[in-house]
Amino acid sequence: MAMNDLHKALGEISSIRRQVARTTEFRGYGPATLATTGVLAFVAAAVEARWAPDAVHHIGVYLSIWISTAVVAVALTGVQVYRRARRVHSGMSDEMIRMAVEQFLPSLAAGLLITIVVVRSVPGTAWILPGLWQMIFGLGVFSSCRFLPRPMVAAGVWYLLAGLISISLGDGRAFSPWTMAVAFGVGQMMVAGILLRSAGKGENEN
């Protein structure tokens, strides 16, 4: 009987911790790291301009450049989030990290699956991928907004608009290096600026 009570108590504590995590602003994202991922987008654009200037006829190279850049960005962000959340959220870090991953992982998975389907089944429409990536990323930002600073909605709107503009090009122009560089470079800089400003306000209020 005592063991059942113990398991019940532990379950209740875990539930309370998850509830607290859902209502606490996540401060695991570091502005400097996110700004770095924005710089990576411009670096990738320069690489594309050099090695795949005619991306329409070099889809493999184009995908390799941008998928590699995404992997590096996710890895940098993941390592930084783990370390920063451990420091900032201490005992709540595991729940906070789990919540952050749960909010954004579906968007990353959707982007990967859509890329595979388009490239394998309808390669002639691959020009739509940059716009879809931007819009899906924007949806991930929106999904995460409930435990991030309120102005973060602006970043989600930016990515959605950038994606729509990219899709509206309607052809190989969507593969322009600047389509991705401006969308993700400016977008990540915007995210970093919002987090930096929010952190400054938090310090002033304290």
N, C-alpha and C. Protein backbone atom coordinates (compact mmCIF):
# COMPACT_ATOMS: atom_id res chain seq x y z
N MET A 1 0.84 -1.21 0.00
CA MET A 1 0.00 0.00 0.00
C MET A 1 0.87 1.25 0.00
N ALA A 2 1.92 1.22 0.82
CA ALA A 2 2.81 2.36 0.92
C ALA A 2 3.49 2.62 -0.41
N MET A 3 3.85 1.54 -1.12
CA MET A 3 4.50 1.68 -2.43
C MET A 3 3.57 2.34 -3.43
N ASN A 4 2.28 1.97 -3.39
CA ASN A 4 1.29 2.58 -4.28
C ASN A 4 1.15 4.06 -4.00
N ASP A 5 1.15 4.40 -2.70
CA ASP A 5 1.06 5.81 -2.31
C ASP A 5 2.27 6.58 -2.81
N LEU A 6 3.44 5.94 -2.74
CA LEU A 6 4.67 6.58 -3.19
C LEU A 6 4.61 6.85 -4.70
N HIS A 7 4.18 5.83 -5.47
CA HIS A 7 4.07 6.00 -6.91
C HIS A 7 3.05 7.09 -7.26
N LYS A 8 1.96 7.14 -6.51
CA LYS A 8 0.93 8.15 -6.74
C LYS A 8 1.48 9.54 -6.46
N ALA A 9 2.22 9.67 -5.36
CA ALA A 9 2.80 10.96 -4.99
C ALA A 9 3.81 11.42 -6.04
N LEU A 10 4.64 10.49 -6.51
CA LEU A 10 5.63 10.82 -7.54
C LEU A 10 4.95 11.24 -8.84
N GLY A 11 3.85 10.55 -9.17
CA GLY A 11 3.09 10.91 -10.37
C GLY A 11 2.51 12.30 -10.27
N GLU A 12 2.00 12.64 -9.09
CA GLU A 12 1.43 13.97 -8.88
C GLU A 12 2.50 15.05 -8.96
N ILE A 13 3.66 14.75 -8.40
CA ILE A 13 4.77 15.71 -8.46
C ILE A 13 5.20 15.93 -9.91
N SER A 14 5.28 14.85 -10.67
CA SER A 14 5.65 14.96 -12.08
C SER A 14 4.63 15.78 -12.85
N SER A 15 3.35 15.57 -12.55
CA SER A 15 2.29 16.32 -13.22
C SER A 15 2.38 17.80 -12.89
N ILE A 16 2.67 18.09 -11.63
CA ILE A 16 2.80 19.49 -11.21
C ILE A 16 3.98 20.15 -11.92
N ARG A 17 5.08 19.43 -12.02
CA ARG A 17 6.27 19.98 -12.68
C ARG A 17 5.99 20.26 -14.16
N ARG A 18 5.26 19.37 -14.82
CA ARG A 18 4.90 19.60 -16.22
C ARG A 18 4.00 20.81 -16.36
N GLN A 19 3.07 20.98 -15.42
CA GLN A 19 2.16 22.12 -15.47
C GLN A 19 2.92 23.43 -15.27
N VAL A 20 3.86 23.41 -14.34
CA VAL A 20 4.68 24.60 -14.11
C VAL A 20 5.50 24.93 -15.35
N ALA A 21 6.05 23.87 -15.99
CA ALA A 21 6.84 24.07 -17.21
C ALA A 21 6.01 24.71 -18.30
N ARG A 22 4.74 24.32 -18.39
CA ARG A 22 3.87 24.86 -19.45
C ARG A 22 3.56 26.34 -19.23
N THR A 23 3.66 26.80 -18.00
CA THR A 23 3.29 28.19 -17.70
C THR A 23 4.51 29.07 -17.42
N THR A 24 5.70 28.53 -17.63
CA THR A 24 6.93 29.28 -17.38
C THR A 24 7.59 29.66 -18.69
N GLU A 25 8.04 30.90 -18.79
CA GLU A 25 8.72 31.33 -20.01
C GLU A 25 10.04 30.59 -20.16
N PHE A 26 10.24 29.99 -21.31
CA PHE A 26 11.46 29.23 -21.57
C PHE A 26 12.59 30.19 -21.91
N ARG A 27 13.67 30.09 -21.16
CA ARG A 27 14.82 30.98 -21.37
C ARG A 27 16.07 30.21 -21.80
N GLY A 28 15.82 29.07 -22.40
CA GLY A 28 16.94 28.23 -22.82
C GLY A 28 17.58 28.62 -24.14
N TYR A 29 16.87 29.44 -24.93
CA TYR A 29 17.43 29.87 -26.22
C TYR A 29 18.35 31.07 -26.00
N GLY A 30 19.58 30.97 -26.44
CA GLY A 30 20.53 32.06 -26.28
C GLY A 30 20.57 32.95 -27.51
N PRO A 31 20.46 34.27 -27.34
CA PRO A 31 20.47 35.20 -28.49
C PRO A 31 21.70 35.05 -29.38
N ALA A 32 22.87 34.89 -28.76
CA ALA A 32 24.11 34.81 -29.56
C ALA A 32 24.11 33.59 -30.47
N THR A 33 23.66 32.45 -29.94
CA THR A 33 23.64 31.23 -30.75
C THR A 33 22.65 31.34 -31.90
N LEU A 34 21.47 31.91 -31.63
CA LEU A 34 20.47 32.05 -32.69
C LEU A 34 20.93 33.06 -33.74
N ALA A 35 21.62 34.11 -33.30
CA ALA A 35 22.18 35.06 -34.27
C ALA A 35 23.22 34.36 -35.14
N THR A 36 23.98 33.46 -34.54
CA THR A 36 24.98 32.69 -35.29
C THR A 36 24.33 31.84 -36.37
N THR A 37 23.18 31.24 -36.05
CA THR A 37 22.48 30.45 -37.07
C THR A 37 22.01 31.34 -38.21
N GLY A 38 21.70 32.59 -37.91
CA GLY A 38 21.34 33.54 -38.96
C GLY A 38 22.52 33.82 -39.87
N VAL A 39 23.70 33.96 -39.27
CA VAL A 39 24.92 34.17 -40.06
C VAL A 39 25.19 32.95 -40.94
N LEU A 40 24.92 31.76 -40.39
CA LEU A 40 25.11 30.54 -41.16
C LEU A 40 24.28 30.54 -42.44
N ALA A 41 23.08 31.13 -42.37
CA ALA A 41 22.22 31.19 -43.56
C ALA A 41 22.89 32.01 -44.66
N PHE A 42 23.54 33.10 -44.29
CA PHE A 42 24.23 33.92 -45.30
C PHE A 42 25.47 33.21 -45.84
N VAL A 43 26.14 32.47 -44.96
CA VAL A 43 27.31 31.69 -45.41
C VAL A 43 26.86 30.62 -46.40
N ALA A 44 25.75 29.94 -46.08
CA ALA A 44 25.22 28.91 -46.98
C ALA A 44 24.82 29.50 -48.32
N ALA A 45 24.26 30.71 -48.29
CA ALA A 45 23.87 31.37 -49.53
C ALA A 45 25.09 31.66 -50.39
N ALA A 46 26.19 32.07 -49.75
CA ALA A 46 27.43 32.33 -50.49
C ALA A 46 27.97 31.04 -51.10
N VAL A 47 27.86 29.95 -50.34
CA VAL A 47 28.31 28.65 -50.86
C VAL A 47 27.45 28.23 -52.05
N GLU A 48 26.14 28.44 -51.92
CA GLU A 48 25.24 28.10 -53.03
C GLU A 48 25.57 28.91 -54.27
N ALA A 49 25.79 30.21 -54.09
CA ALA A 49 26.11 31.07 -55.23
C ALA A 49 27.38 30.62 -55.93
N ARG A 50 28.29 30.03 -55.16
CA ARG A 50 29.56 29.59 -55.73
C ARG A 50 29.45 28.21 -56.37
N TRP A 51 28.78 27.27 -55.71
CA TRP A 51 28.78 25.89 -56.16
C TRP A 51 27.50 25.44 -56.85
N ALA A 52 26.42 26.18 -56.70
CA ALA A 52 25.16 25.79 -57.36
C ALA A 52 24.42 27.02 -57.85
N PRO A 53 25.07 27.83 -58.72
CA PRO A 53 24.42 29.04 -59.21
C PRO A 53 23.16 28.75 -60.02
N ASP A 54 23.13 27.57 -60.63
CA ASP A 54 21.96 27.16 -61.41
C ASP A 54 21.30 25.99 -60.66
N ALA A 55 20.74 26.31 -59.50
CA ALA A 55 20.23 25.26 -58.60
C ALA A 55 19.12 24.42 -59.22
N VAL A 56 18.40 24.99 -60.18
CA VAL A 56 17.32 24.24 -60.82
C VAL A 56 17.84 22.93 -61.41
N HIS A 57 19.07 22.98 -61.93
CA HIS A 57 19.66 21.80 -62.55
C HIS A 57 20.66 21.10 -61.63
N HIS A 58 20.75 21.56 -60.39
CA HIS A 58 21.65 20.95 -59.41
C HIS A 58 20.93 20.84 -58.07
N ILE A 59 19.76 20.22 -58.08
CA ILE A 59 18.94 20.11 -56.88
C ILE A 59 19.68 19.37 -55.77
N GLY A 60 20.44 18.35 -56.14
CA GLY A 60 21.17 17.58 -55.14
C GLY A 60 22.15 18.44 -54.37
N VAL A 61 22.89 19.28 -55.10
CA VAL A 61 23.87 20.16 -54.45
C VAL A 61 23.14 21.18 -53.58
N TYR A 62 22.05 21.73 -54.12
CA TYR A 62 21.27 22.71 -53.38
C TYR A 62 20.77 22.13 -52.06
N LEU A 63 20.18 20.95 -52.13
CA LEU A 63 19.66 20.30 -50.92
C LEU A 63 20.78 19.98 -49.94
N SER A 64 21.92 19.54 -50.47
CA SER A 64 23.04 19.21 -49.59
C SER A 64 23.51 20.43 -48.81
N ILE A 65 23.57 21.56 -49.49
CA ILE A 65 24.03 22.80 -48.84
C ILE A 65 23.08 23.20 -47.72
N TRP A 66 21.78 23.26 -48.03
CA TRP A 66 20.84 23.79 -47.06
C TRP A 66 20.47 22.80 -45.96
N ILE A 67 20.43 21.53 -46.30
CA ILE A 67 20.15 20.53 -45.26
C ILE A 67 21.34 20.43 -44.31
N SER A 68 22.54 20.50 -44.84
CA SER A 68 23.73 20.49 -43.98
C SER A 68 23.74 21.71 -43.06
N THR A 69 23.37 22.84 -43.62
CA THR A 69 23.31 24.06 -42.81
C THR A 69 22.28 23.92 -41.70
N ALA A 70 21.13 23.33 -42.03
CA ALA A 70 20.07 23.13 -41.03
C ALA A 70 20.54 22.19 -39.92
N VAL A 71 21.24 21.12 -40.30
CA VAL A 71 21.74 20.17 -39.31
C VAL A 71 22.71 20.85 -38.35
N VAL A 72 23.63 21.65 -38.91
CA VAL A 72 24.60 22.36 -38.07
C VAL A 72 23.89 23.33 -37.14
N ALA A 73 22.91 24.06 -37.67
CA ALA A 73 22.17 25.04 -36.87
C ALA A 73 21.41 24.35 -35.73
N VAL A 74 20.76 23.24 -36.05
CA VAL A 74 20.01 22.50 -35.02
C VAL A 74 20.95 21.95 -33.96
N ALA A 75 22.11 21.45 -34.39
CA ALA A 75 23.08 20.91 -33.44
C ALA A 75 23.60 22.00 -32.51
N LEU A 76 23.96 23.15 -33.07
CA LEU A 76 24.44 24.26 -32.25
C LEU A 76 23.38 24.70 -31.25
N THR A 77 22.15 24.84 -31.75
CA THR A 77 21.06 25.29 -30.89
C THR A 77 20.76 24.25 -29.81
N GLY A 78 20.78 22.97 -30.18
CA GLY A 78 20.49 21.92 -29.22
C GLY A 78 21.48 21.88 -28.07
N VAL A 79 22.78 21.96 -28.40
CA VAL A 79 23.81 21.95 -27.37
C VAL A 79 23.67 23.16 -26.46
N GLN A 80 23.45 24.32 -27.08
CA GLN A 80 23.33 25.55 -26.30
C GLN A 80 22.09 25.54 -25.42
N VAL A 81 20.98 25.04 -25.94
CA VAL A 81 19.74 24.98 -25.16
C VAL A 81 19.93 24.08 -23.94
N TYR A 82 20.55 22.95 -24.14
CA TYR A 82 20.77 22.01 -23.03
C TYR A 82 21.59 22.67 -21.93
N ARG A 83 22.69 23.31 -22.31
CA ARG A 83 23.57 23.93 -21.31
C ARG A 83 22.91 25.13 -20.63
N ARG A 84 22.26 25.97 -21.43
CA ARG A 84 21.65 27.17 -20.87
C ARG A 84 20.45 26.84 -19.99
N ALA A 85 19.63 25.89 -20.43
CA ALA A 85 18.46 25.52 -19.64
C ALA A 85 18.88 24.91 -18.30
N ARG A 86 19.96 24.12 -18.31
CA ARG A 86 20.47 23.57 -17.06
C ARG A 86 20.87 24.67 -16.10
N ARG A 87 21.44 25.75 -16.64
CA ARG A 87 21.90 26.84 -15.80
C ARG A 87 20.75 27.75 -15.35
N VAL A 88 19.85 28.07 -16.27
CA VAL A 88 18.79 29.03 -15.98
C VAL A 88 17.61 28.40 -15.24
N HIS A 89 17.19 27.22 -15.68
CA HIS A 89 16.00 26.59 -15.10
C HIS A 89 16.33 25.53 -14.05
N SER A 90 17.59 25.25 -13.85
CA SER A 90 18.07 24.30 -12.84
C SER A 90 17.18 23.06 -12.72
N GLY A 91 16.48 22.90 -11.62
CA GLY A 91 15.71 21.69 -11.36
C GLY A 91 14.58 21.44 -12.33
N MET A 92 14.13 22.48 -13.04
CA MET A 92 13.04 22.34 -14.00
C MET A 92 13.55 22.16 -15.43
N SER A 93 14.86 22.06 -15.58
CA SER A 93 15.44 22.07 -16.93
C SER A 93 14.95 20.92 -17.80
N ASP A 94 14.85 19.72 -17.25
CA ASP A 94 14.43 18.58 -18.07
C ASP A 94 13.03 18.79 -18.63
N GLU A 95 12.11 19.26 -17.78
CA GLU A 95 10.73 19.50 -18.25
C GLU A 95 10.69 20.63 -19.27
N MET A 96 11.48 21.69 -19.04
CA MET A 96 11.48 22.82 -19.95
C MET A 96 12.05 22.44 -21.31
N ILE A 97 13.14 21.67 -21.31
CA ILE A 97 13.74 21.22 -22.57
C ILE A 97 12.78 20.32 -23.32
N ARG A 98 12.13 19.43 -22.58
CA ARG A 98 11.17 18.51 -23.21
C ARG A 98 10.03 19.29 -23.86
N MET A 99 9.54 20.31 -23.20
CA MET A 99 8.47 21.12 -23.75
C MET A 99 8.92 21.83 -25.03
N ALA A 100 10.14 22.35 -25.00
CA ALA A 100 10.66 23.06 -26.17
C ALA A 100 10.77 22.13 -27.37
N VAL A 101 11.29 20.92 -27.12
CA VAL A 101 11.44 19.94 -28.20
C VAL A 101 10.08 19.52 -28.73
N GLU A 102 9.13 19.28 -27.84
CA GLU A 102 7.79 18.85 -28.26
C GLU A 102 7.11 19.90 -29.13
N GLN A 103 7.39 21.18 -28.87
CA GLN A 103 6.76 22.24 -29.64
C GLN A 103 7.34 22.36 -31.04
N PHE A 104 8.64 22.16 -31.17
CA PHE A 104 9.28 22.42 -32.46
C PHE A 104 9.54 21.17 -33.30
N LEU A 105 9.65 20.02 -32.67
CA LEU A 105 9.98 18.80 -33.40
C LEU A 105 9.01 18.46 -34.53
N PRO A 106 7.69 18.61 -34.34
CA PRO A 106 6.77 18.30 -35.44
C PRO A 106 7.05 19.11 -36.70
N SER A 107 7.44 20.36 -36.54
CA SER A 107 7.74 21.19 -37.71
C SER A 107 8.99 20.69 -38.43
N LEU A 108 10.01 20.34 -37.67
CA LEU A 108 11.24 19.82 -38.28
C LEU A 108 10.95 18.51 -39.02
N ALA A 109 10.16 17.65 -38.39
CA ALA A 109 9.82 16.38 -39.02
C ALA A 109 9.01 16.60 -40.29
N ALA A 110 8.05 17.53 -40.23
CA ALA A 110 7.22 17.82 -41.40
C ALA A 110 8.07 18.34 -42.55
N GLY A 111 9.01 19.24 -42.24
CA GLY A 111 9.88 19.78 -43.28
C GLY A 111 10.71 18.69 -43.95
N LEU A 112 11.24 17.77 -43.16
CA LEU A 112 12.04 16.68 -43.70
C LEU A 112 11.20 15.75 -44.57
N LEU A 113 10.02 15.37 -44.09
CA LEU A 113 9.16 14.44 -44.83
C LEU A 113 8.66 15.06 -46.13
N ILE A 114 8.28 16.34 -46.09
CA ILE A 114 7.82 17.01 -47.30
C ILE A 114 8.95 17.07 -48.34
N THR A 115 10.17 17.33 -47.87
CA THR A 115 11.31 17.39 -48.78
C THR A 115 11.52 16.04 -49.47
N ILE A 116 11.46 14.96 -48.70
CA ILE A 116 11.65 13.63 -49.26
C ILE A 116 10.57 13.31 -50.30
N VAL A 117 9.31 13.62 -49.98
CA VAL A 117 8.20 13.31 -50.88
C VAL A 117 8.31 14.12 -52.18
N VAL A 118 8.60 15.41 -52.05
CA VAL A 118 8.68 16.26 -53.24
C VAL A 118 9.83 15.82 -54.14
N VAL A 119 10.99 15.61 -53.57
CA VAL A 119 12.16 15.24 -54.37
C VAL A 119 11.99 13.88 -55.04
N ARG A 120 11.40 12.93 -54.34
CA ARG A 120 11.26 11.59 -54.88
C ARG A 120 10.06 11.44 -55.82
N SER A 121 8.97 12.14 -55.53
CA SER A 121 7.73 11.93 -56.30
C SER A 121 7.43 13.01 -57.33
N VAL A 122 7.70 14.27 -57.00
CA VAL A 122 7.39 15.37 -57.94
C VAL A 122 8.58 16.34 -58.00
N PRO A 123 9.74 15.88 -58.46
CA PRO A 123 10.93 16.74 -58.48
C PRO A 123 10.76 18.00 -59.31
N GLY A 124 9.82 17.99 -60.24
CA GLY A 124 9.59 19.17 -61.06
C GLY A 124 9.04 20.34 -60.28
N THR A 125 8.50 20.07 -59.10
CA THR A 125 7.95 21.15 -58.27
C THR A 125 8.85 21.47 -57.07
N ALA A 126 10.10 21.04 -57.15
CA ALA A 126 11.03 21.24 -56.03
C ALA A 126 11.25 22.71 -55.71
N TRP A 127 10.98 23.59 -56.68
CA TRP A 127 11.16 25.02 -56.43
C TRP A 127 10.28 25.52 -55.28
N ILE A 128 9.25 24.75 -54.93
CA ILE A 128 8.35 25.18 -53.87
C ILE A 128 8.94 24.93 -52.48
N LEU A 129 9.99 24.11 -52.41
CA LEU A 129 10.56 23.72 -51.11
C LEU A 129 11.04 24.89 -50.25
N PRO A 130 11.80 25.86 -50.79
CA PRO A 130 12.25 26.96 -49.92
C PRO A 130 11.09 27.66 -49.23
N GLY A 131 10.02 27.92 -49.97
CA GLY A 131 8.86 28.58 -49.38
C GLY A 131 8.18 27.71 -48.33
N LEU A 132 8.08 26.41 -48.61
CA LEU A 132 7.47 25.51 -47.64
C LEU A 132 8.32 25.42 -46.38
N TRP A 133 9.64 25.36 -46.53
CA TRP A 133 10.52 25.31 -45.36
C TRP A 133 10.30 26.53 -44.48
N GLN A 134 10.23 27.68 -45.12
CA GLN A 134 10.07 28.92 -44.35
C GLN A 134 8.72 28.96 -43.63
N MET A 135 7.67 28.54 -44.30
CA MET A 135 6.35 28.56 -43.68
C MET A 135 6.26 27.54 -42.55
N ILE A 136 6.82 26.35 -42.76
CA ILE A 136 6.79 25.32 -41.72
C ILE A 136 7.60 25.77 -40.50
N PHE A 137 8.72 26.42 -40.75
CA PHE A 137 9.52 26.94 -39.64
C PHE A 137 8.73 28.01 -38.88
N GLY A 138 8.01 28.84 -39.64
CA GLY A 138 7.17 29.85 -39.00
C GLY A 138 6.11 29.23 -38.11
N LEU A 139 5.52 28.13 -38.56
CA LEU A 139 4.52 27.44 -37.75
C LEU A 139 5.16 26.89 -36.46
N GLY A 140 6.41 26.45 -36.58
CA GLY A 140 7.12 25.98 -35.39
C GLY A 140 7.34 27.12 -34.40
N VAL A 141 7.65 28.30 -34.93
CA VAL A 141 7.81 29.47 -34.06
C VAL A 141 6.49 29.80 -33.37
N PHE A 142 5.40 29.81 -34.13
CA PHE A 142 4.09 30.07 -33.55
C PHE A 142 3.75 29.06 -32.45
N SER A 143 4.07 27.80 -32.71
CA SER A 143 3.78 26.75 -31.74
C SER A 143 4.55 26.97 -30.44
N SER A 144 5.74 27.56 -30.55
CA SER A 144 6.58 27.78 -29.37
C SER A 144 6.28 29.09 -28.65
N CYS A 145 5.47 29.94 -29.27
CA CYS A 145 5.25 31.29 -28.75
C CYS A 145 4.62 31.32 -27.36
N ARG A 146 3.87 30.28 -27.00
CA ARG A 146 3.16 30.34 -25.73
C ARG A 146 4.08 30.32 -24.52
N PHE A 147 5.35 29.88 -24.69
CA PHE A 147 6.25 29.98 -23.55
C PHE A 147 7.53 30.76 -23.92
N LEU A 148 7.38 31.65 -24.93
CA LEU A 148 8.45 32.57 -25.31
C LEU A 148 7.91 34.00 -25.20
N PRO A 149 8.77 35.01 -25.25
CA PRO A 149 8.30 36.40 -25.18
C PRO A 149 7.23 36.69 -26.23
N ARG A 150 6.23 37.46 -25.88
CA ARG A 150 5.12 37.73 -26.78
C ARG A 150 5.52 38.28 -28.14
N PRO A 151 6.52 39.18 -28.21
CA PRO A 151 6.92 39.71 -29.53
C PRO A 151 7.41 38.64 -30.50
N MET A 152 7.64 37.42 -30.01
CA MET A 152 8.13 36.37 -30.89
C MET A 152 7.12 36.06 -32.01
N VAL A 153 5.88 36.45 -31.82
CA VAL A 153 4.87 36.28 -32.86
C VAL A 153 5.32 36.96 -34.15
N ALA A 154 6.02 38.09 -34.01
CA ALA A 154 6.50 38.83 -35.18
C ALA A 154 7.44 37.98 -36.02
N ALA A 155 8.26 37.16 -35.36
CA ALA A 155 9.18 36.29 -36.09
C ALA A 155 8.40 35.22 -36.86
N GLY A 156 7.36 34.69 -36.23
CA GLY A 156 6.52 33.71 -36.92
C GLY A 156 5.87 34.31 -38.15
N VAL A 157 5.39 35.53 -38.03
CA VAL A 157 4.77 36.23 -39.15
C VAL A 157 5.79 36.45 -40.26
N TRP A 158 7.01 36.81 -39.88
CA TRP A 158 8.08 37.03 -40.86
C TRP A 158 8.31 35.77 -41.70
N TYR A 159 8.43 34.64 -41.03
CA TYR A 159 8.70 33.40 -41.76
C TYR A 159 7.53 33.00 -42.66
N LEU A 160 6.31 33.23 -42.21
CA LEU A 160 5.15 32.91 -43.04
C LEU A 160 5.13 33.80 -44.29
N LEU A 161 5.34 35.09 -44.11
CA LEU A 161 5.34 36.01 -45.23
C LEU A 161 6.48 35.70 -46.20
N ALA A 162 7.66 35.40 -45.65
CA ALA A 162 8.80 35.07 -46.50
C ALA A 162 8.50 33.82 -47.33
N GLY A 163 7.87 32.84 -46.70
CA GLY A 163 7.51 31.62 -47.41
C GLY A 163 6.51 31.88 -48.52
N LEU A 164 5.51 32.69 -48.24
CA LEU A 164 4.49 33.01 -49.23
C LEU A 164 5.10 33.76 -50.42
N ILE A 165 6.01 34.68 -50.13
CA ILE A 165 6.67 35.43 -51.21
C ILE A 165 7.51 34.49 -52.07
N SER A 166 8.21 33.57 -51.40
CA SER A 166 9.03 32.61 -52.14
C SER A 166 8.17 31.74 -53.06
N ILE A 167 7.06 31.25 -52.55
CA ILE A 167 6.16 30.42 -53.35
C ILE A 167 5.54 31.22 -54.49
N SER A 168 5.27 32.50 -54.23
CA SER A 168 4.65 33.34 -55.26
C SER A 168 5.55 33.55 -56.48
N LEU A 169 6.85 33.32 -56.33
CA LEU A 169 7.76 33.44 -57.47
C LEU A 169 7.42 32.42 -58.54
N GLY A 170 6.94 31.26 -58.10
CA GLY A 170 6.38 30.28 -59.01
C GLY A 170 7.32 29.52 -59.92
N ASP A 171 8.62 29.70 -59.75
CA ASP A 171 9.56 28.98 -60.62
C ASP A 171 10.93 28.89 -59.97
N GLY A 172 11.94 28.63 -60.77
CA GLY A 172 13.29 28.44 -60.27
C GLY A 172 13.87 29.63 -59.54
N ARG A 173 13.25 30.79 -59.65
CA ARG A 173 13.76 31.96 -58.93
C ARG A 173 13.73 31.74 -57.42
N ALA A 174 12.86 30.83 -56.97
CA ALA A 174 12.76 30.54 -55.54
C ALA A 174 14.05 29.91 -55.01
N PHE A 175 14.89 29.37 -55.94
CA PHE A 175 16.15 28.76 -55.54
C PHE A 175 17.27 29.79 -55.36
N SER A 176 16.97 31.06 -55.59
CA SER A 176 17.98 32.10 -55.43
C SER A 176 18.59 32.02 -54.02
N PRO A 177 19.91 32.14 -53.90
CA PRO A 177 20.55 32.09 -52.58
C PRO A 177 19.94 33.08 -51.61
N TRP A 178 19.51 34.23 -52.12
CA TRP A 178 18.99 35.27 -51.24
C TRP A 178 17.61 34.95 -50.70
N THR A 179 16.89 34.06 -51.38
CA THR A 179 15.57 33.67 -50.87
C THR A 179 15.69 33.04 -49.49
N MET A 180 16.63 32.13 -49.34
CA MET A 180 16.84 31.48 -48.05
C MET A 180 17.65 32.36 -47.10
N ALA A 181 18.65 33.06 -47.64
CA ALA A 181 19.51 33.87 -46.80
C ALA A 181 18.73 34.97 -46.09
N VAL A 182 17.89 35.68 -46.85
CA VAL A 182 17.11 36.76 -46.24
C VAL A 182 16.07 36.22 -45.28
N ALA A 183 15.37 35.14 -45.69
CA ALA A 183 14.33 34.58 -44.84
C ALA A 183 14.88 34.12 -43.50
N PHE A 184 15.88 33.24 -43.54
CA PHE A 184 16.41 32.68 -42.30
C PHE A 184 17.46 33.56 -41.63
N GLY A 185 18.24 34.28 -42.43
CA GLY A 185 19.24 35.17 -41.84
C GLY A 185 18.57 36.28 -41.05
N VAL A 186 17.67 37.00 -41.69
CA VAL A 186 16.96 38.09 -41.01
C VAL A 186 16.04 37.52 -39.92
N GLY A 187 15.38 36.41 -40.22
CA GLY A 187 14.47 35.82 -39.25
C GLY A 187 15.15 35.44 -37.95
N GLN A 188 16.30 34.78 -38.05
CA GLN A 188 17.02 34.37 -36.84
C GLN A 188 17.61 35.57 -36.10
N MET A 189 18.02 36.59 -36.84
CA MET A 189 18.49 37.81 -36.19
C MET A 189 17.34 38.47 -35.43
N MET A 190 16.15 38.42 -36.01
CA MET A 190 14.98 38.98 -35.36
C MET A 190 14.68 38.22 -34.06
N VAL A 191 14.73 36.90 -34.14
CA VAL A 191 14.49 36.07 -32.95
C VAL A 191 15.52 36.40 -31.87
N ALA A 192 16.79 36.50 -32.27
CA ALA A 192 17.85 36.81 -31.31
C ALA A 192 17.62 38.18 -30.67
N GLY A 193 17.21 39.16 -31.48
CA GLY A 193 16.96 40.50 -30.95
C GLY A 193 15.81 40.51 -29.95
N ILE A 194 14.75 39.77 -30.25
CA ILE A 194 13.60 39.70 -29.34
C ILE A 194 14.01 39.08 -28.01
N LEU A 195 14.78 38.00 -28.07
CA LEU A 195 15.23 37.34 -26.84
C LEU A 195 16.16 38.23 -26.04
N LEU A 196 17.04 38.95 -26.73
CA LEU A 196 17.98 39.84 -26.04
C LEU A 196 17.24 40.98 -25.35
N ARG A 197 16.27 41.55 -26.06
CA ARG A 197 15.49 42.64 -25.48
C ARG A 197 14.66 42.15 -24.29
N SER A 198 14.10 40.96 -24.42
CA SER A 198 13.31 40.39 -23.34
C SER A 198 14.17 40.13 -22.12
N ALA A 199 15.39 39.62 -22.33
CA ALA A 199 16.29 39.37 -21.22
C ALA A 199 16.66 40.66 -20.51
N GLY A 200 16.85 41.72 -21.30
CA GLY A 200 17.18 43.02 -20.71
C GLY A 200 16.04 43.57 -19.86
N LYS A 201 14.82 43.41 -20.34
CA LYS A 201 13.66 43.86 -19.58
C LYS A 201 13.52 43.08 -18.29
N GLY A 202 13.79 41.77 -18.37
CA GLY A 202 13.68 40.93 -17.18
C GLY A 202 14.66 41.37 -16.11
N GLU A 203 15.88 41.72 -16.53
CA GLU A 203 16.89 42.18 -15.57
C GLU A 203 16.49 43.51 -14.95
N ASN A 204 15.91 44.42 -15.77
CA ASN A 204 15.50 45.72 -15.25
C ASN A 204 14.36 45.58 -14.25
N GLU A 205 13.44 44.63 -14.53
CA GLU A 205 12.32 44.43 -13.63
C GLU A 205 12.76 43.84 -12.31
N ASN A 206 13.84 43.03 -12.37
CA ASN A 206 14.35 42.43 -11.13
C ASN A 206 15.15 43.47 -10.35
